[in-house]
Structures are given as structure tokens and as C-alpha cells.
Amino acid sequence: MILYTIPIISQLETVMKHVLSWFHTSLGLPWAWAIVGTTVVVRMLLVPLTIKQIHSMQNLQRYAPQMKEIQKKYKGDKQKQNEELMKFYRENQINPAASCLPMLLQLPVFIALYYTLKHFDSNFHPGASANLSFLHFIPDITVQTTAVWGGYVLLVVYVLSQMASTFFMAATADKTQRTLFMIMPLIFVFVIAHFPAGLVLYWVTTNLWTVGQGLITRRLVAQTPAPSLERRSSRTPPKDDGTSGNGAKADAPAPKPAPSASQQPRQVRRKKKRTSRR
């Protein structure tokens, strides 16, 4: 491939070869589990950026109504709309690119692992290919995923895990975008099926990490409620929260004052009709 002729690609492959070799030789892990261990280390290093990503997503959710108003106001002038949005981002410390940064930083790891698995026989000693199975249903993680029956199982796990991770990562997107993100794994699976099984294993591990991270985040980080504007008419009385003027809650409702004499209803006496006798 033309991409492999770039010097940095071969350097990334060399780094990945040493990392996998360390997991396999020093820790005694099989090659498949060495890929899992490498994935976990990469995601741990990206935790600070992931925290920023979560904060950025919360800010986008918090200020979504204001941004929609800006888009609606400058609908006919895209340049002015972009300028006002960028100004709004700076004033409220919003970084829309923060959600894409962890994914972009994983791209070099993905490329390095792809070429390492593709050139596995030349990267490692001849006896290294003796333990390339994963959980006994994938005999060789360096071959194409669809070359073995276990690869189809791995692809199903990939689709499910990708959908689950998308559910957490696209929480602030609108309904149309979330639907598109949920459909993308079903389309992209036909591309990733031609990759080595070890590369799909890396992707599945990344997705499962994202799912676990999303579950922990939902428990530890308070979710930002979507702002809503309450519409009140002129006849709608203000809600009584049961507090007095000084902020203390009243123990009992105050008795109604007795109406004064001027406010009491006036009683009218009806005169009896007299019948005349002849």
C-alpha cells in the first residue's frame, strides 16, 4: 500500500511491535490478550482527554437552546452564523472539537496495529505464530475476520458494542444524528470484516471500555438537565411554594380576616303584601 511507504507508518509499526512483544514476553500473555492489554493502556492514557470530552458534551447540551437561537437568527447568512457561534463558544468556554480528539489520537494506534498484524511473520520470530488463537473460536487473529467462523461472532459483538458506545457518546446529539450514528456500525461492518481479526478485537475492546466508562460517568457525574422555558399567561397566578416573605415555611395557613361592616352584604327585607277586605 502507498500509505506504508510513509516513514512514520513504519515507525509506528515498530513501536507497536515492541509493545505487543512486551505484553507477550514479559507478562506471558497470548498475542490476542496482548492486544487487549495494549488497548486498555491506550484508553487509560486518554482518560484526561475523555474527561474534557464529557465536559464539552455537557456544555453543548446546556447551551443547545442558545445555539439554536443563533442559528435561527442568522439562518440566511452562514458566515455571520459561524462568527456568532465561534464567539459564543469562546465566551462560554466550549470546545466542539474536544469530542473528536480521543478518537483521532487512537487512529495512529489503529494503523500501527493493522500493519503489525499484516506483517506478523516478519515482525516476530517464527515460533511466535504458535499462539495466535483467541478464546478457542478464532484460531488466528492475523487472518481476515471472515476467514474463520468465529470471526462472524466477533463482528456481531463489534456491532452491538459499537451501538452501545454510540448510545453514551452521542447523548447530546439530536434524534436524527443519533439514528445515523446507530446505523453506521451496520454499514461499516462490511468494511471492517476485511481487516485482521486482531484489529476487530482491538475495536471491540475500545467499545466495551467506552460503555463501561459511560456507565461510571452516569453514576458519578451529575447529568445536566435540558433547559426549558415555562410559558405563563397573564392570568396564571404564581406558584405558591409554601414559604413566607422571609423564606420560612409557614406552619399553618393564616386565618382569613373577617369582613368589615362595609364589606358585608346588605340584606334587603321584603315587604309583605296586605290583602284588603271588603
C-alpha atoms as a PDB file:
ATOM      1  CA  MET A   1       0.000   0.000   0.000  1.00  0.00           C
ATOM      2  CA  ILE A   2       1.072   3.569  -0.693  1.00  0.00           C
ATOM      3  CA  LEU A   3       0.395   4.561   2.907  1.00  0.00           C
ATOM      4  CA  TYR A   4       3.039   2.131   4.140  1.00  0.00           C
ATOM      5  CA  THR A   5       5.771   3.987   2.225  1.00  0.00           C
ATOM      6  CA  ILE A   6       5.392   6.941   4.627  1.00  0.00           C
ATOM      7  CA  PRO A   7       8.273   6.707   7.158  1.00  0.00           C
ATOM      8  CA  ILE A   8       6.100   7.487  10.175  1.00  0.00           C
ATOM      9  CA  ILE A   9       3.919   4.453   9.442  1.00  0.00           C
ATOM     10  CA  SER A  10       6.875   2.084   9.682  1.00  0.00           C
ATOM     11  CA  GLN A  11       7.960   3.820  12.879  1.00  0.00           C
ATOM     12  CA  LEU A  12       4.507   3.349  14.384  1.00  0.00           C
ATOM     13  CA  GLU A  13       4.647  -0.316  13.416  1.00  0.00           C
ATOM     14  CA  THR A  14       7.998  -0.696  15.180  1.00  0.00           C
ATOM     15  CA  VAL A  15       6.602   0.853  18.364  1.00  0.00           C
ATOM     16  CA  MET A  16       3.540  -1.401  18.277  1.00  0.00           C
ATOM     17  CA  LYS A  17       5.746  -4.446  17.706  1.00  0.00           C
ATOM     18  CA  HIS A  18       7.740  -3.691  20.861  1.00  0.00           C
ATOM     19  CA  VAL A  19       4.603  -3.013  22.918  1.00  0.00           C
ATOM     20  CA  LEU A  20       2.961  -6.299  21.921  1.00  0.00           C
ATOM     21  CA  SER A  21       6.216  -8.160  22.421  1.00  0.00           C
ATOM     22  CA  TRP A  22       6.499  -6.746  25.961  1.00  0.00           C
ATOM     23  CA  PHE A  23       2.993  -7.922  26.888  1.00  0.00           C
ATOM     24  CA  HIS A  24       3.660 -11.340  25.357  1.00  0.00           C
ATOM     25  CA  THR A  25       7.210 -11.901  26.649  1.00  0.00           C
ATOM     26  CA  SER A  26       7.336 -10.053  29.965  1.00  0.00           C
ATOM     27  CA  LEU A  27       3.763 -10.690  31.158  1.00  0.00           C
ATOM     28  CA  GLY A  28       3.315 -14.024  29.400  1.00  0.00           C
ATOM     29  CA  LEU A  29       0.054 -13.036  27.710  1.00  0.00           C
ATOM     30  CA  PRO A  30      -1.089 -14.627  24.451  1.00  0.00           C
ATOM     31  CA  TRP A  31      -0.955 -12.336  21.444  1.00  0.00           C
ATOM     32  CA  ALA A  32      -4.705 -11.730  21.446  1.00  0.00           C
ATOM     33  CA  TRP A  33      -4.690 -10.714  25.112  1.00  0.00           C
ATOM     34  CA  ALA A  34      -1.621  -8.582  24.434  1.00  0.00           C
ATOM     35  CA  ILE A  35      -3.810  -6.597  22.049  1.00  0.00           C
ATOM     36  CA  VAL A  36      -6.458  -6.263  24.775  1.00  0.00           C
ATOM     37  CA  GLY A  37      -3.816  -5.084  27.243  1.00  0.00           C
ATOM     38  CA  THR A  38      -2.479  -2.543  24.744  1.00  0.00           C
ATOM     39  CA  THR A  39      -5.996  -1.221  24.190  1.00  0.00           C
ATOM     40  CA  VAL A  40      -6.578  -0.801  27.922  1.00  0.00           C
ATOM     41  CA  VAL A  41      -3.290   1.097  28.351  1.00  0.00           C
ATOM     42  CA  VAL A  42      -4.136   3.409  25.439  1.00  0.00           C
ATOM     43  CA  ARG A  43      -7.589   4.176  26.877  1.00  0.00           C
ATOM     44  CA  MET A  44      -6.116   4.826  30.327  1.00  0.00           C
ATOM     45  CA  LEU A  45      -3.721   7.355  28.833  1.00  0.00           C
ATOM     46  CA  LEU A  46      -6.668   9.070  27.155  1.00  0.00           C
ATOM     47  CA  VAL A  47      -8.711   9.422  30.362  1.00  0.00           C
ATOM     48  CA  PRO A  48      -7.816  13.147  30.901  1.00  0.00           C
ATOM     49  CA  LEU A  49      -8.931  13.944  27.362  1.00  0.00           C
ATOM     50  CA  THR A  50     -12.050  11.842  27.860  1.00  0.00           C
ATOM     51  CA  ILE A  51     -12.981  13.902  30.932  1.00  0.00           C
ATOM     52  CA  LYS A  52     -12.669  17.061  28.831  1.00  0.00           C
ATOM     53  CA  GLN A  53     -14.798  15.367  26.209  1.00  0.00           C
ATOM     54  CA  ILE A  54     -17.533  14.689  28.764  1.00  0.00           C
ATOM     55  CA  HIS A  55     -17.455  18.300  29.992  1.00  0.00           C
ATOM     56  CA  SER A  56     -17.643  19.550  26.417  1.00  0.00           C
ATOM     57  CA  MET A  57     -20.667  17.363  25.714  1.00  0.00           C
ATOM     58  CA  GLN A  58     -22.366  18.678  28.846  1.00  0.00           C
ATOM     59  CA  ASN A  59     -21.711  22.275  27.796  1.00  0.00           C
ATOM     60  CA  LEU A  60     -23.127  21.578  24.363  1.00  0.00           C
ATOM     61  CA  GLN A  61     -26.245  20.150  25.966  1.00  0.00           C
ATOM     62  CA  ARG A  62     -26.556  23.049  28.420  1.00  0.00           C
ATOM     63  CA  TYR A  63     -26.266  25.771  25.785  1.00  0.00           C
ATOM     64  CA  ALA A  64     -28.084  23.968  22.978  1.00  0.00           C
ATOM     65  CA  PRO A  65     -31.159  26.285  23.062  1.00  0.00           C
ATOM     66  CA  GLN A  66     -28.989  29.419  22.808  1.00  0.00           C
ATOM     67  CA  MET A  67     -27.018  27.975  19.900  1.00  0.00           C
ATOM     68  CA  LYS A  68     -30.220  27.051  18.094  1.00  0.00           C
ATOM     69  CA  GLU A  69     -31.428  30.622  18.518  1.00  0.00           C
ATOM     70  CA  ILE A  70     -28.205  31.914  16.943  1.00  0.00           C
ATOM     71  CA  GLN A  71     -28.581  29.511  14.031  1.00  0.00           C
ATOM     72  CA  LYS A  72     -32.177  30.556  13.568  1.00  0.00           C
ATOM     73  CA  LYS A  73     -31.363  34.275  13.791  1.00  0.00           C
ATOM     74  CA  TYR A  74     -28.610  34.146  11.138  1.00  0.00           C
ATOM     75  CA  LYS A  75     -30.166  31.442   9.001  1.00  0.00           C
ATOM     76  CA  GLY A  76     -29.717  33.415   5.801  1.00  0.00           C
ATOM     77  CA  ASP A  77     -26.072  34.394   6.464  1.00  0.00           C
ATOM     78  CA  LYS A  78     -23.870  31.342   7.069  1.00  0.00           C
ATOM     79  CA  GLN A  79     -20.693  33.390   7.530  1.00  0.00           C
ATOM     80  CA  LYS A  80     -22.289  35.579  10.187  1.00  0.00           C
ATOM     81  CA  GLN A  81     -23.790  32.497  11.796  1.00  0.00           C
ATOM     82  CA  ASN A  82     -20.381  30.831  12.099  1.00  0.00           C
ATOM     83  CA  GLU A  83     -18.840  34.011  13.504  1.00  0.00           C
ATOM     84  CA  GLU A  84     -21.528  34.331  16.166  1.00  0.00           C
ATOM     85  CA  LEU A  85     -21.257  30.652  17.083  1.00  0.00           C
ATOM     86  CA  MET A  86     -17.475  30.888  17.440  1.00  0.00           C
ATOM     87  CA  LYS A  87     -17.912  33.976  19.611  1.00  0.00           C
ATOM     88  CA  PHE A  88     -20.462  32.114  21.720  1.00  0.00           C
ATOM     89  CA  TYR A  89     -18.046  29.176  22.077  1.00  0.00           C
ATOM     90  CA  ARG A  90     -15.266  31.455  23.322  1.00  0.00           C
ATOM     91  CA  GLU A  91     -17.482  33.275  25.792  1.00  0.00           C
ATOM     92  CA  ASN A  92     -18.803  30.046  27.321  1.00  0.00           C
ATOM     93  CA  GLN A  93     -15.555  28.020  27.038  1.00  0.00           C
ATOM     94  CA  ILE A  94     -16.989  25.415  24.688  1.00  0.00           C
ATOM     95  CA  ASN A  95     -14.697  23.305  22.533  1.00  0.00           C
ATOM     96  CA  PRO A  96     -16.693  21.316  19.954  1.00  0.00           C
ATOM     97  CA  ALA A  97     -13.525  19.526  18.773  1.00  0.00           C
ATOM     98  CA  ALA A  98     -12.934  18.041  22.234  1.00  0.00           C
ATOM     99  CA  SER A  99     -15.357  15.198  21.488  1.00  0.00           C
ATOM    100  CA  CYS A 100     -13.332  14.124  18.426  1.00  0.00           C
ATOM    101  CA  LEU A 101      -9.842  14.368  19.915  1.00  0.00           C
ATOM    102  CA  PRO A 102      -9.740  10.957  21.709  1.00  0.00           C
ATOM    103  CA  MET A 103     -10.899   9.242  18.525  1.00  0.00           C
ATOM    104  CA  LEU A 104      -8.285  11.000  16.396  1.00  0.00           C
ATOM    105  CA  LEU A 105      -5.491  10.065  18.812  1.00  0.00           C
ATOM    106  CA  GLN A 106      -6.474   6.393  18.529  1.00  0.00           C
ATOM    107  CA  LEU A 107      -6.077   6.457  14.753  1.00  0.00           C
ATOM    108  CA  PRO A 108      -2.240   6.051  14.816  1.00  0.00           C
ATOM    109  CA  VAL A 109      -2.642   3.074  17.176  1.00  0.00           C
ATOM    110  CA  PHE A 110      -5.179   1.539  14.810  1.00  0.00           C
ATOM    111  CA  ILE A 111      -2.888   1.960  11.791  1.00  0.00           C
ATOM    112  CA  ALA A 112       0.157   0.644  13.649  1.00  0.00           C
ATOM    113  CA  LEU A 113      -1.709  -2.449  14.824  1.00  0.00           C
ATOM    114  CA  TYR A 114      -3.035  -3.096  11.325  1.00  0.00           C
ATOM    115  CA  TYR A 115       0.453  -3.225   9.760  1.00  0.00           C
ATOM    116  CA  THR A 116       1.894  -5.145  12.711  1.00  0.00           C
ATOM    117  CA  LEU A 117      -0.678  -7.906  12.250  1.00  0.00           C
ATOM    118  CA  LYS A 118      -0.318  -7.830   8.483  1.00  0.00           C
ATOM    119  CA  HIS A 119       3.471  -8.284   8.720  1.00  0.00           C
ATOM    120  CA  PHE A 120       3.344 -10.524  11.774  1.00  0.00           C
ATOM    121  CA  ASP A 121       5.639 -13.229  10.399  1.00  0.00           C
ATOM    122  CA  SER A 122       8.368 -10.730   9.530  1.00  0.00           C
ATOM    123  CA  ASN A 123       7.999  -8.703  12.745  1.00  0.00           C
ATOM    124  CA  PHE A 124       8.357 -11.614  15.177  1.00  0.00           C
ATOM    125  CA  HIS A 125      10.337 -14.820  15.364  1.00  0.00           C
ATOM    126  CA  PRO A 126       8.981 -17.919  13.563  1.00  0.00           C
ATOM    127  CA  GLY A 127       7.810 -19.607  16.757  1.00  0.00           C
ATOM    128  CA  ALA A 128       5.634 -16.631  17.742  1.00  0.00           C
ATOM    129  CA  SER A 129       2.806 -17.706  15.442  1.00  0.00           C
ATOM    130  CA  ALA A 130       2.156 -20.783  17.563  1.00  0.00           C
ATOM    131  CA  ASN A 131      -0.230 -18.957  19.935  1.00  0.00           C
ATOM    132  CA  LEU A 132      -2.420 -16.706  17.812  1.00  0.00           C
ATOM    133  CA  SER A 133      -5.840 -18.002  18.883  1.00  0.00           C
ATOM    134  CA  PHE A 134      -8.459 -16.147  20.886  1.00  0.00           C
ATOM    135  CA  LEU A 135     -10.904 -17.947  23.192  1.00  0.00           C
ATOM    136  CA  HIS A 136     -10.670 -21.088  21.010  1.00  0.00           C
ATOM    137  CA  PHE A 137     -13.184 -19.808  18.432  1.00  0.00           C
ATOM    138  CA  ILE A 138     -10.694 -17.674  16.476  1.00  0.00           C
ATOM    139  CA  PRO A 139      -7.647 -19.812  15.658  1.00  0.00           C
ATOM    140  CA  ASP A 140      -5.595 -16.994  14.110  1.00  0.00           C
ATOM    141  CA  ILE A 141      -6.012 -13.274  14.841  1.00  0.00           C
ATOM    142  CA  THR A 142      -3.786 -12.281  11.909  1.00  0.00           C
ATOM    143  CA  VAL A 143      -6.090 -13.644   9.192  1.00  0.00           C
ATOM    144  CA  GLN A 144      -9.103 -11.870   7.737  1.00  0.00           C
ATOM    145  CA  THR A 145     -12.024 -11.784  10.161  1.00  0.00           C
ATOM    146  CA  THR A 146     -14.455 -13.575   7.853  1.00  0.00           C
ATOM    147  CA  ALA A 147     -11.920 -16.346   7.108  1.00  0.00           C
ATOM    148  CA  VAL A 148     -12.980 -18.255  10.245  1.00  0.00           C
ATOM    149  CA  TRP A 149     -16.435 -18.892  11.672  1.00  0.00           C
ATOM    150  CA  GLY A 150     -15.518 -17.224  14.955  1.00  0.00           C
ATOM    151  CA  GLY A 151     -14.883 -14.004  13.083  1.00  0.00           C
ATOM    152  CA  TYR A 152     -18.606 -13.640  12.429  1.00  0.00           C
ATOM    153  CA  VAL A 153     -19.271 -13.878  16.151  1.00  0.00           C
ATOM    154  CA  LEU A 154     -16.658 -11.193  16.719  1.00  0.00           C
ATOM    155  CA  LEU A 155     -18.333  -8.984  14.116  1.00  0.00           C
ATOM    156  CA  VAL A 156     -21.700  -9.337  15.871  1.00  0.00           C
ATOM    157  CA  VAL A 157     -20.061  -8.329  19.158  1.00  0.00           C
ATOM    158  CA  TYR A 158     -18.464  -5.394  17.358  1.00  0.00           C
ATOM    159  CA  VAL A 159     -21.806  -4.111  16.028  1.00  0.00           C
ATOM    160  CA  LEU A 160     -23.537  -4.441  19.412  1.00  0.00           C
ATOM    161  CA  SER A 161     -20.672  -2.845  21.318  1.00  0.00           C
ATOM    162  CA  GLN A 162     -20.394  -0.012  18.770  1.00  0.00           C
ATOM    163  CA  MET A 163     -24.100   0.740  19.119  1.00  0.00           C
ATOM    164  CA  ALA A 164     -23.830   0.690  22.900  1.00  0.00           C
ATOM    165  CA  SER A 165     -20.837   3.031  22.901  1.00  0.00           C
ATOM    166  CA  THR A 166     -22.603   5.348  20.460  1.00  0.00           C
ATOM    167  CA  PHE A 167     -25.558   5.489  22.862  1.00  0.00           C
ATOM    168  CA  PHE A 168     -23.294   7.067  25.510  1.00  0.00           C
ATOM    169  CA  MET A 169     -21.066   9.182  23.277  1.00  0.00           C
ATOM    170  CA  ALA A 170     -23.895  10.703  21.227  1.00  0.00           C
ATOM    171  CA  ALA A 171     -26.123  11.529  24.183  1.00  0.00           C
ATOM    172  CA  THR A 172     -26.226  15.236  23.312  1.00  0.00           C
ATOM    173  CA  ALA A 173     -26.914  14.775  19.609  1.00  0.00           C
ATOM    174  CA  ASP A 174     -30.366  15.301  18.181  1.00  0.00           C
ATOM    175  CA  LYS A 175     -32.633  12.432  17.171  1.00  0.00           C
ATOM    176  CA  THR A 176     -31.565  12.409  13.526  1.00  0.00           C
ATOM    177  CA  GLN A 177     -27.847  12.356  14.327  1.00  0.00           C
ATOM    178  CA  ARG A 178     -28.241   9.628  16.941  1.00  0.00           C
ATOM    179  CA  THR A 179     -30.183   7.488  14.476  1.00  0.00           C
ATOM    180  CA  LEU A 180     -27.429   7.962  11.891  1.00  0.00           C
ATOM    181  CA  PHE A 181     -24.735   7.057  14.423  1.00  0.00           C
ATOM    182  CA  MET A 182     -26.632   3.910  15.378  1.00  0.00           C
ATOM    183  CA  ILE A 183     -26.940   2.801  11.739  1.00  0.00           C
ATOM    184  CA  MET A 184     -23.288   3.438  10.861  1.00  0.00           C
ATOM    185  CA  PRO A 185     -21.939   0.228  12.537  1.00  0.00           C
ATOM    186  CA  LEU A 186     -24.278  -1.849  10.355  1.00  0.00           C
ATOM    187  CA  ILE A 187     -22.750  -0.237   7.263  1.00  0.00           C
ATOM    188  CA  PHE A 188     -19.148  -0.084   8.457  1.00  0.00           C
ATOM    189  CA  VAL A 189     -19.163  -3.773   9.443  1.00  0.00           C
ATOM    190  CA  PHE A 190     -18.792  -4.709   5.766  1.00  0.00           C
ATOM    191  CA  VAL A 191     -15.537  -2.737   5.664  1.00  0.00           C
ATOM    192  CA  ILE A 192     -14.087  -3.914   8.945  1.00  0.00           C
ATOM    193  CA  ALA A 193     -14.869  -7.540   8.031  1.00  0.00           C
ATOM    194  CA  HIS A 194     -11.853  -7.465   5.677  1.00  0.00           C
ATOM    195  CA  PHE A 195      -9.472  -6.440   8.463  1.00  0.00           C
ATOM    196  CA  PRO A 196      -7.466  -8.919  10.550  1.00  0.00           C
ATOM    197  CA  ALA A 197      -9.403 -10.423  13.454  1.00  0.00           C
ATOM    198  CA  GLY A 198      -6.947  -8.939  15.938  1.00  0.00           C
ATOM    199  CA  LEU A 199      -7.808  -5.452  14.707  1.00  0.00           C
ATOM    200  CA  VAL A 200     -11.529  -6.100  15.235  1.00  0.00           C
ATOM    201  CA  LEU A 201     -10.640  -7.354  18.717  1.00  0.00           C
ATOM    202  CA  TYR A 202      -8.945  -4.021  19.393  1.00  0.00           C
ATOM    203  CA  TRP A 203     -12.062  -2.175  18.242  1.00  0.00           C
ATOM    204  CA  VAL A 204     -14.369  -4.332  20.374  1.00  0.00           C
ATOM    205  CA  THR A 205     -12.208  -3.746  23.447  1.00  0.00           C
ATOM    206  CA  THR A 206     -12.310   0.007  22.814  1.00  0.00           C
ATOM    207  CA  ASN A 207     -16.099  -0.064  22.526  1.00  0.00           C
ATOM    208  CA  LEU A 208     -16.510  -2.073  25.722  1.00  0.00           C
ATOM    209  CA  TRP A 209     -14.230   0.380  27.537  1.00  0.00           C
ATOM    210  CA  THR A 210     -16.410   3.245  26.282  1.00  0.00           C
ATOM    211  CA  VAL A 211     -19.563   1.507  27.520  1.00  0.00           C
ATOM    212  CA  GLY A 212     -18.083   0.920  30.975  1.00  0.00           C
ATOM    213  CA  GLN A 213     -16.826   4.477  31.055  1.00  0.00           C
ATOM    214  CA  GLY A 214     -20.279   5.760  30.147  1.00  0.00           C
ATOM    215  CA  LEU A 215     -21.927   3.740  32.928  1.00  0.00           C
ATOM    216  CA  ILE A 216     -19.460   5.050  35.508  1.00  0.00           C
ATOM    217  CA  THR A 217     -19.845   8.603  34.245  1.00  0.00           C
ATOM    218  CA  ARG A 218     -23.624   8.446  34.592  1.00  0.00           C
ATOM    219  CA  ARG A 219     -23.253   7.429  38.223  1.00  0.00           C
ATOM    220  CA  LEU A 220     -20.515   9.867  39.248  1.00  0.00           C
ATOM    221  CA  VAL A 221     -21.190  12.919  37.094  1.00  0.00           C
ATOM    222  CA  ALA A 222     -24.474  14.717  37.542  1.00  0.00           C
ATOM    223  CA  GLN A 223     -26.303  14.967  34.265  1.00  0.00           C
ATOM    224  CA  THR A 224     -27.130  18.422  33.027  1.00  0.00           C
ATOM    225  CA  PRO A 225     -30.883  18.859  32.649  1.00  0.00           C
ATOM    226  CA  ALA A 226     -32.077  20.312  29.405  1.00  0.00           C
ATOM    227  CA  PRO A 227     -33.147  23.908  29.954  1.00  0.00           C
ATOM    228  CA  SER A 228     -36.842  24.525  29.479  1.00  0.00           C
ATOM    229  CA  LEU A 229     -38.758  27.751  29.391  1.00  0.00           C
ATOM    230  CA  GLU A 230     -42.047  27.831  31.263  1.00  0.00           C
ATOM    231  CA  ARG A 231     -44.774  29.707  29.463  1.00  0.00           C
ATOM    232  CA  ARG A 232     -47.095  31.655  31.730  1.00  0.00           C
ATOM    233  CA  SER A 233     -50.089  33.698  30.753  1.00  0.00           C
ATOM    234  CA  SER A 234     -51.117  36.927  32.417  1.00  0.00           C
ATOM    235  CA  ARG A 235     -53.930  35.094  34.179  1.00  0.00           C
ATOM    236  CA  THR A 236     -51.738  32.327  35.561  1.00  0.00           C
ATOM    237  CA  PRO A 237     -51.077  33.012  39.244  1.00  0.00           C
ATOM    238  CA  PRO A 238     -47.569  32.433  40.589  1.00  0.00           C
ATOM    239  CA  LYS A 239     -46.947  29.084  42.220  1.00  0.00           C
ATOM    240  CA  ASP A 240     -47.086  29.120  46.000  1.00  0.00           C
ATOM    241  CA  ASP A 241     -44.069  27.281  47.408  1.00  0.00           C
ATOM    242  CA  GLY A 242     -45.403  27.361  50.945  1.00  0.00           C
ATOM    243  CA  THR A 243     -42.893  29.928  52.192  1.00  0.00           C
ATOM    244  CA  SER A 244     -43.473  33.254  53.829  1.00  0.00           C
ATOM    245  CA  GLY A 245     -41.850  36.521  52.859  1.00  0.00           C
ATOM    246  CA  ASN A 246     -38.713  35.894  54.940  1.00  0.00           C
ATOM    247  CA  GLY A 247     -38.147  32.464  53.355  1.00  0.00           C
ATOM    248  CA  ALA A 248     -39.519  30.427  56.293  1.00  0.00           C
ATOM    249  CA  LYS A 249     -42.185  27.869  55.625  1.00  0.00           C
ATOM    250  CA  ALA A 250     -45.477  28.638  57.332  1.00  0.00           C
ATOM    251  CA  ASP A 251     -46.672  26.038  59.833  1.00  0.00           C
ATOM    252  CA  ALA A 252     -50.370  26.653  59.175  1.00  0.00           C
ATOM    253  CA  PRO A 253     -52.308  28.771  56.759  1.00  0.00           C
ATOM    254  CA  ALA A 254     -53.143  32.236  58.070  1.00  0.00           C
ATOM    255  CA  PRO A 255     -56.816  32.720  59.027  1.00  0.00           C
ATOM    256  CA  LYS A 256     -58.872  34.807  56.683  1.00  0.00           C
ATOM    257  CA  PRO A 257     -59.747  38.253  58.105  1.00  0.00           C
ATOM    258  CA  ALA A 258     -63.358  38.870  58.970  1.00  0.00           C
ATOM    259  CA  PRO A 259     -65.116  41.135  56.510  1.00  0.00           C
ATOM    260  CA  SER A 260     -65.771  44.650  57.737  1.00  0.00           C
ATOM    261  CA  ALA A 261     -69.203  46.136  58.126  1.00  0.00           C
ATOM    262  CA  SER A 262     -68.900  47.997  54.858  1.00  0.00           C
ATOM    263  CA  GLN A 263     -67.920  44.822  53.038  1.00  0.00           C
ATOM    264  CA  GLN A 264     -70.762  42.685  54.457  1.00  0.00           C
ATOM    265  CA  PRO A 265     -73.589  42.039  52.022  1.00  0.00           C
ATOM    266  CA  ARG A 266     -76.620  44.207  52.572  1.00  0.00           C
ATOM    267  CA  GLN A 267     -79.751  42.359  53.489  1.00  0.00           C
ATOM    268  CA  VAL A 268     -82.954  43.541  51.850  1.00  0.00           C
ATOM    269  CA  ARG A 269     -86.231  42.909  53.649  1.00  0.00           C
ATOM    270  CA  ARG A 270     -89.158  42.167  51.504  1.00  0.00           C
ATOM    271  CA  LYS A 271     -92.465  43.844  52.448  1.00  0.00           C
ATOM    272  CA  LYS A 272     -95.453  41.595  52.896  1.00  0.00           C
ATOM    273  CA  LYS A 273     -98.381  42.292  50.645  1.00  0.00           C
ATOM    274  CA  ARG A 274    -101.542  43.206  52.508  1.00  0.00           C
ATOM    275  CA  THR A 275    -104.821  41.901  51.242  1.00  0.00           C
ATOM    276  CA  SER A 276    -107.751  44.322  51.563  1.00  0.00           C
ATOM    277  CA  ARG A 277    -111.049  43.037  52.955  1.00  0.00           C
ATOM    278  CA  ARG A 278    -114.269  44.235  51.610  1.00  0.00           C
END
